[in-house]
Amino acid sequence: MDKLAVTGSVTRDETTLRELVEIVWHEKWLVIGITLLITIVTGVTAVMTPRKYTASVLLSVVSNRTGGGLGSASSALGQFGGIASLAGLSLQGNSEKSEAIAILQSDALTMRYIKDHDLLPVLYPKEWDPVKKQWLGDPRKTPTLWRGNEKFKGDIRDVAESSKTGLISLTVTWTDPRVAAQWANDLVKLTNDYMRDKAISDSERNIAYLKDQAAKTDIAQVRTAVYAILESEIRRAMLARGTEEYALKVLDPAIAPEKPSAPKRTIWVMVGFVAGFMVSIFIVLVRESWTRSGRP
């Protein structure tokens, strides 16, 4: 008997789908009001959120940056690899892409670009007084190059390599489309300039070392090998000096986009509508539950 009573009580307390629909329909104006309110708030937030634009550069890595001289000297280098090793030379070319990508997004190069172009006030406009040309607030919390670099890495710059084509894309996202395109193109140019200058410096050091080694030896075979490596280094230096796109070749430069990449206002409104509807249903069901339990 007690079991039947409990079963009947459970049955009476259960709410069927039809009853849920009736409850929601009875509170339809509350559901509509809450849904519209949250949808409107989400839409207004999307409109007031600053637009961001994404500019992209498509790149390929320039291979064989040694100037073509190593082909003729490969046998000599094989026999006298110790000389090349001491001079800081290497026949490995598989790391060229990894090196270029690493430098393209390196902390040192990014901080150098931020410093040279005085970008900290641009990156942190709310903390900068453009009239007095000074930072606002606590001097200990003044934005630093390190913070600027972290902002670049987290919110502004992205470097990706396509697994299918092997091409590299550098994207920059900012509130000004022309600035985004300029930064993207500038970072590529800065990388090429850095790697070209480094190659020239390395070659000049290697040439001086190899000339010194050639002058010290009387063994004809060793001297021949040294001069073969020296020829390669001279060609490498000449190639670097005459090539603007030394490490990264620009296949498609960045242009100022006309369409913002964020926020996606339509998506925001749709999400706001769904969220508002779900919240309103939840509130209606909670109210109904309180009513059934006898709460005020």
Protein backbone atom coordinates (compact mmCIF):
# COMPACT_ATOMS: atom_id res chain seq x y z
CA MET A 1 0.00 0.00 0.00
CA ASP A 2 2.79 2.36 0.92
CA LYS A 3 4.54 1.42 -2.32
CA LEU A 4 1.46 2.32 -4.35
CA ALA A 5 1.18 5.64 -2.51
CA VAL A 6 4.80 6.48 -3.24
CA THR A 7 4.36 5.51 -6.89
CA GLY A 8 1.31 7.69 -7.20
CA SER A 9 3.10 10.59 -5.57
CA VAL A 10 6.02 10.28 -7.97
CA THR A 11 3.64 10.11 -10.91
CA ARG A 12 1.85 13.27 -9.79
CA ASP A 13 5.14 15.11 -9.25
CA GLU A 14 6.57 14.18 -12.64
CA THR A 15 6.32 16.85 -15.35
CA THR A 16 5.66 15.65 -18.87
CA LEU A 17 6.92 17.32 -22.01
CA ARG A 18 3.43 18.57 -22.73
CA GLU A 19 3.24 20.17 -19.30
CA LEU A 20 6.62 21.81 -19.87
CA VAL A 21 5.39 23.31 -23.11
CA GLU A 22 2.25 24.56 -21.35
CA ILE A 23 4.34 26.11 -18.58
CA VAL A 24 6.61 27.88 -21.05
CA TRP A 25 3.64 29.04 -23.12
CA HIS A 26 1.94 30.40 -20.02
CA GLU A 27 5.10 32.44 -19.31
CA LYS A 28 5.73 33.29 -22.96
CA TRP A 29 6.03 37.03 -22.38
CA LEU A 30 8.66 36.47 -19.73
CA VAL A 31 10.51 34.13 -22.09
CA ILE A 32 10.29 36.63 -24.94
CA GLY A 33 11.36 39.53 -22.73
CA ILE A 34 14.43 37.80 -21.29
CA THR A 35 15.44 36.43 -24.70
CA LEU A 36 15.16 39.86 -26.34
CA LEU A 37 16.99 41.55 -23.49
CA ILE A 38 20.00 39.22 -23.64
CA THR A 39 20.00 39.31 -27.45
CA ILE A 40 20.00 43.12 -27.45
CA VAL A 41 22.75 43.32 -24.81
CA THR A 42 24.88 40.89 -26.82
CA GLY A 43 24.26 42.82 -30.04
CA VAL A 44 25.14 46.16 -28.44
CA THR A 45 28.30 44.63 -26.98
CA ALA A 46 29.26 43.33 -30.42
CA VAL A 47 28.69 46.76 -31.97
CA MET A 48 30.69 48.57 -29.27
CA THR A 49 33.57 46.09 -29.36
CA PRO A 50 36.38 47.59 -31.50
CA ARG A 51 36.69 46.00 -34.90
CA LYS A 52 39.84 44.07 -35.70
CA TYR A 53 41.33 43.49 -39.12
CA THR A 54 43.66 40.70 -40.17
CA ALA A 55 46.36 41.26 -42.80
CA SER A 56 48.30 38.30 -44.14
CA VAL A 57 51.58 37.75 -46.00
CA LEU A 58 52.20 34.53 -47.91
CA LEU A 59 55.85 33.45 -47.94
CA SER A 60 58.16 30.78 -49.20
CA VAL A 61 61.63 30.07 -47.87
CA VAL A 62 64.56 30.85 -50.15
CA SER A 63 66.72 27.75 -50.30
CA ASN A 64 70.38 27.30 -51.26
CA ARG A 65 71.47 30.58 -49.78
CA THR A 66 75.10 29.48 -49.94
CA GLY A 67 75.69 31.02 -53.34
CA GLY A 68 76.11 27.84 -55.33
CA GLY A 69 79.78 27.40 -54.53
CA LEU A 70 79.44 24.39 -52.30
CA GLY A 71 78.54 22.11 -55.16
CA SER A 72 81.99 22.27 -56.68
CA ALA A 73 83.67 22.10 -53.29
CA SER A 74 81.62 19.27 -51.82
CA SER A 75 84.35 16.66 -52.21
CA ALA A 76 86.93 18.92 -50.69
CA LEU A 77 84.62 19.73 -47.82
CA GLY A 78 84.01 16.05 -47.29
CA GLN A 79 87.70 15.46 -46.84
CA PHE A 80 88.41 18.58 -44.85
CA GLY A 81 85.17 18.97 -42.89
CA GLY A 82 87.17 19.99 -39.84
CA ILE A 83 88.25 23.20 -41.52
CA ALA A 84 84.69 24.05 -42.47
CA SER A 85 83.51 23.22 -38.97
CA LEU A 86 86.09 25.50 -37.39
CA ALA A 87 85.06 28.27 -39.74
CA GLY A 88 81.43 27.88 -38.72
CA LEU A 89 80.30 26.48 -42.06
CA SER A 90 77.72 23.78 -42.65
CA LEU A 91 76.41 21.79 -45.57
CA GLN A 92 73.04 21.20 -43.92
CA GLY A 93 70.22 23.06 -45.63
CA ASN A 94 67.23 21.29 -44.11
CA SER A 95 67.04 23.74 -41.22
CA GLU A 96 66.65 26.83 -43.41
CA LYS A 97 62.86 26.91 -43.07
CA SER A 98 62.92 26.33 -39.32
CA GLU A 99 65.52 29.04 -38.91
CA ALA A 100 63.55 31.54 -40.98
CA ILE A 101 60.30 30.83 -39.08
CA ALA A 102 62.06 31.07 -35.72
CA ILE A 103 63.60 34.44 -36.56
CA LEU A 104 60.36 35.73 -38.08
CA GLN A 105 58.63 35.33 -34.71
CA SER A 106 61.63 35.74 -32.44
CA ASP A 107 61.34 37.81 -29.28
CA ALA A 108 64.48 39.82 -30.02
CA LEU A 109 63.36 40.86 -33.49
CA THR A 110 59.83 41.72 -32.31
CA MET A 111 61.10 43.85 -29.44
CA ARG A 112 63.52 45.55 -31.80
CA TYR A 113 60.65 46.42 -34.15
CA ILE A 114 58.50 47.72 -31.28
CA LYS A 115 61.37 49.89 -30.02
CA ASP A 116 62.44 51.23 -33.42
CA HIS A 117 58.87 52.26 -34.30
CA ASP A 118 57.89 53.40 -30.78
CA LEU A 119 54.86 51.11 -30.72
CA LEU A 120 54.30 50.83 -26.97
CA PRO A 121 51.97 53.89 -26.90
CA VAL A 122 50.10 52.37 -29.84
CA LEU A 123 49.79 48.98 -28.17
CA TYR A 124 48.69 50.48 -24.85
CA PRO A 125 46.78 53.68 -25.74
CA LYS A 126 44.74 53.74 -22.52
CA GLU A 127 47.92 53.95 -20.46
CA TRP A 128 49.49 56.73 -22.54
CA ASP A 129 48.90 60.48 -22.38
CA PRO A 130 49.38 61.77 -25.97
CA VAL A 131 49.35 65.40 -24.85
CA LYS A 132 51.99 65.15 -22.14
CA LYS A 133 53.81 62.35 -23.99
CA GLN A 134 54.10 60.25 -20.85
CA TRP A 135 52.66 57.15 -19.23
CA LEU A 136 49.75 57.36 -16.85
CA GLY A 137 49.45 55.74 -13.45
CA ASP A 138 52.07 53.93 -11.40
CA PRO A 139 55.53 54.15 -13.05
CA ARG A 140 56.25 50.60 -11.87
CA LYS A 141 53.44 49.38 -14.12
CA THR A 142 54.65 51.21 -17.21
CA PRO A 143 54.45 48.96 -20.31
CA THR A 144 57.79 47.46 -21.25
CA LEU A 145 59.20 45.92 -24.41
CA TRP A 146 58.69 42.53 -22.83
CA ARG A 147 54.98 43.23 -22.34
CA GLY A 148 54.72 44.55 -25.86
CA ASN A 149 56.34 41.39 -27.21
CA GLU A 150 53.94 39.21 -25.18
CA LYS A 151 51.00 41.15 -26.61
CA PHE A 152 52.33 40.66 -30.13
CA LYS A 153 52.72 36.91 -29.56
CA GLY A 154 49.35 36.46 -27.90
CA ASP A 155 46.98 38.80 -29.72
CA ILE A 156 48.54 40.36 -32.80
CA ARG A 157 50.98 38.17 -34.76
CA ASP A 158 50.62 34.58 -35.87
CA VAL A 159 52.93 32.46 -38.02
CA ALA A 160 51.72 29.21 -39.56
CA GLU A 161 53.13 26.72 -42.04
CA SER A 162 50.89 24.81 -44.44
CA SER A 163 51.38 21.06 -44.15
CA LYS A 164 50.28 20.62 -47.77
CA THR A 165 52.19 23.34 -49.62
CA GLY A 166 54.99 24.07 -47.15
CA LEU A 167 54.26 27.80 -47.53
CA ILE A 168 54.37 30.15 -44.57
CA SER A 169 51.71 32.70 -43.68
CA LEU A 170 52.30 35.62 -41.34
CA THR A 171 49.11 37.27 -40.08
CA VAL A 172 48.78 40.47 -38.09
CA THR A 173 45.49 41.43 -36.43
CA TRP A 174 44.89 45.02 -35.34
CA THR A 175 42.18 47.66 -35.08
CA ASP A 176 43.55 49.66 -38.04
CA PRO A 177 43.67 47.68 -41.31
CA ARG A 178 46.46 49.77 -42.85
CA VAL A 179 48.59 49.46 -39.73
CA ALA A 180 48.02 45.68 -39.68
CA ALA A 181 49.24 45.40 -43.29
CA GLN A 182 52.23 47.65 -42.64
CA TRP A 183 53.31 45.66 -39.58
CA ALA A 184 53.02 42.37 -41.44
CA ASN A 185 55.13 43.56 -44.38
CA ASP A 186 57.63 45.28 -42.09
CA LEU A 187 58.21 42.15 -40.00
CA VAL A 188 59.01 40.14 -43.12
CA LYS A 189 61.40 42.84 -44.35
CA LEU A 190 63.06 43.06 -40.95
CA THR A 191 63.60 39.30 -40.93
CA ASN A 192 65.17 39.37 -44.40
CA ASP A 193 67.39 42.30 -43.46
CA TYR A 194 68.51 40.62 -40.26
CA MET A 195 69.32 37.29 -41.91
CA ARG A 196 71.07 38.99 -44.85
CA ASP A 197 73.22 41.14 -42.55
CA LYS A 198 74.04 38.11 -40.44
CA ALA A 199 75.01 36.08 -43.53
CA ILE A 200 77.30 38.88 -44.74
CA SER A 201 78.89 39.21 -41.31
CA ASP A 202 79.41 35.46 -41.04
CA SER A 203 80.87 35.26 -44.52
CA GLU A 204 83.31 38.10 -43.86
CA ARG A 205 84.45 36.37 -40.69
CA ASN A 206 84.80 33.05 -42.52
CA ILE A 207 86.70 34.63 -45.41
CA ALA A 208 89.19 36.22 -43.03
CA TYR A 209 89.65 32.90 -41.23
CA LEU A 210 90.07 30.92 -44.45
CA LYS A 211 92.61 33.36 -45.87
CA ASP A 212 94.58 33.04 -42.67
CA GLN A 213 94.49 29.23 -42.89
CA ALA A 214 95.56 29.27 -46.55
CA ALA A 215 98.56 31.43 -45.68
CA LYS A 216 99.65 29.08 -42.91
CA THR A 217 99.71 25.81 -44.86
CA ASP A 218 102.19 24.56 -47.45
CA ILE A 219 100.21 21.43 -48.33
CA ALA A 220 98.81 21.87 -51.80
CA GLN A 221 95.78 19.63 -51.25
CA VAL A 222 94.78 21.44 -48.08
CA ARG A 223 95.25 24.80 -49.74
CA THR A 224 93.06 23.70 -52.65
CA ALA A 225 90.29 22.69 -50.26
CA VAL A 226 90.55 25.96 -48.36
CA TYR A 227 90.35 28.02 -51.54
CA ALA A 228 87.28 26.01 -52.65
CA ILE A 229 85.54 26.87 -49.38
CA LEU A 230 86.75 30.45 -49.66
CA GLU A 231 85.23 30.75 -53.13
CA SER A 232 81.93 29.49 -51.76
CA GLU A 233 81.95 32.05 -48.96
CA ILE A 234 82.74 34.90 -51.36
CA ARG A 235 79.81 33.87 -53.53
CA ARG A 236 77.60 33.64 -50.47
CA ALA A 237 78.50 37.17 -49.42
CA MET A 238 77.90 38.48 -52.95
CA LEU A 239 74.51 36.77 -53.09
CA ALA A 240 73.49 38.21 -49.73
CA ARG A 241 74.49 41.75 -50.71
CA GLY A 242 72.55 41.57 -53.97
CA THR A 243 69.36 39.89 -52.71
CA GLU A 244 66.67 41.88 -50.91
CA GLU A 245 64.48 38.85 -50.16
CA TYR A 246 67.39 36.87 -48.81
CA ALA A 247 65.59 34.31 -46.60
CA LEU A 248 61.87 34.78 -47.23
CA LYS A 249 60.32 35.36 -50.64
CA VAL A 250 57.04 37.26 -50.58
CA LEU A 251 54.49 35.50 -52.77
CA ASP A 252 51.55 37.63 -51.73
CA PRO A 253 52.19 40.82 -49.71
CA ALA A 254 49.80 42.06 -47.05
CA ILE A 255 47.18 44.62 -48.08
CA ALA A 256 44.82 46.58 -45.88
CA PRO A 257 41.65 44.46 -45.50
CA GLU A 258 38.30 46.15 -45.93
CA LYS A 259 36.29 43.58 -43.99
CA PRO A 260 36.90 43.12 -40.25
CA SER A 261 37.84 39.70 -38.96
CA ALA A 262 36.29 40.31 -35.54
CA PRO A 263 33.88 40.62 -33.90
CA LYS A 264 31.50 38.40 -35.89
CA ARG A 265 28.40 40.40 -35.08
CA THR A 266 25.89 38.05 -36.67
CA ILE A 267 27.31 35.11 -34.75
CA TRP A 268 27.29 37.14 -31.54
CA VAL A 269 23.59 37.98 -31.99
CA MET A 270 22.71 34.36 -32.76
CA VAL A 271 24.59 33.13 -29.70
CA GLY A 272 22.91 35.83 -27.61
CA PHE A 273 19.49 34.74 -28.84
CA VAL A 274 20.10 31.08 -28.04
CA ALA A 275 21.61 31.89 -24.66
CA GLY A 276 18.73 34.25 -23.85
CA PHE A 277 16.14 31.62 -24.75
CA MET A 278 17.85 28.96 -22.63
CA VAL A 279 18.21 31.32 -19.65
CA SER A 280 14.55 32.32 -19.88
CA ILE A 281 13.43 28.66 -19.95
CA PHE A 282 15.61 27.95 -16.93
CA ILE A 283 14.10 30.87 -15.00
CA VAL A 284 10.56 29.79 -15.87
CA LEU A 285 11.19 26.21 -14.73
CA VAL A 286 12.82 27.39 -11.49
CA ARG A 287 9.82 29.59 -10.76
CA GLU A 288 7.46 26.72 -11.45
CA SER A 289 9.48 24.46 -9.17
CA TRP A 290 9.32 27.01 -6.38
CA THR A 291 5.56 27.37 -6.87
CA ARG A 292 5.01 23.63 -6.63
CA SER A 293 7.15 23.33 -3.53
CA GLY A 294 5.11 26.05 -1.83
CA ARG A 295 7.89 28.63 -1.69
CA PRO A 296 6.86 32.30 -1.96
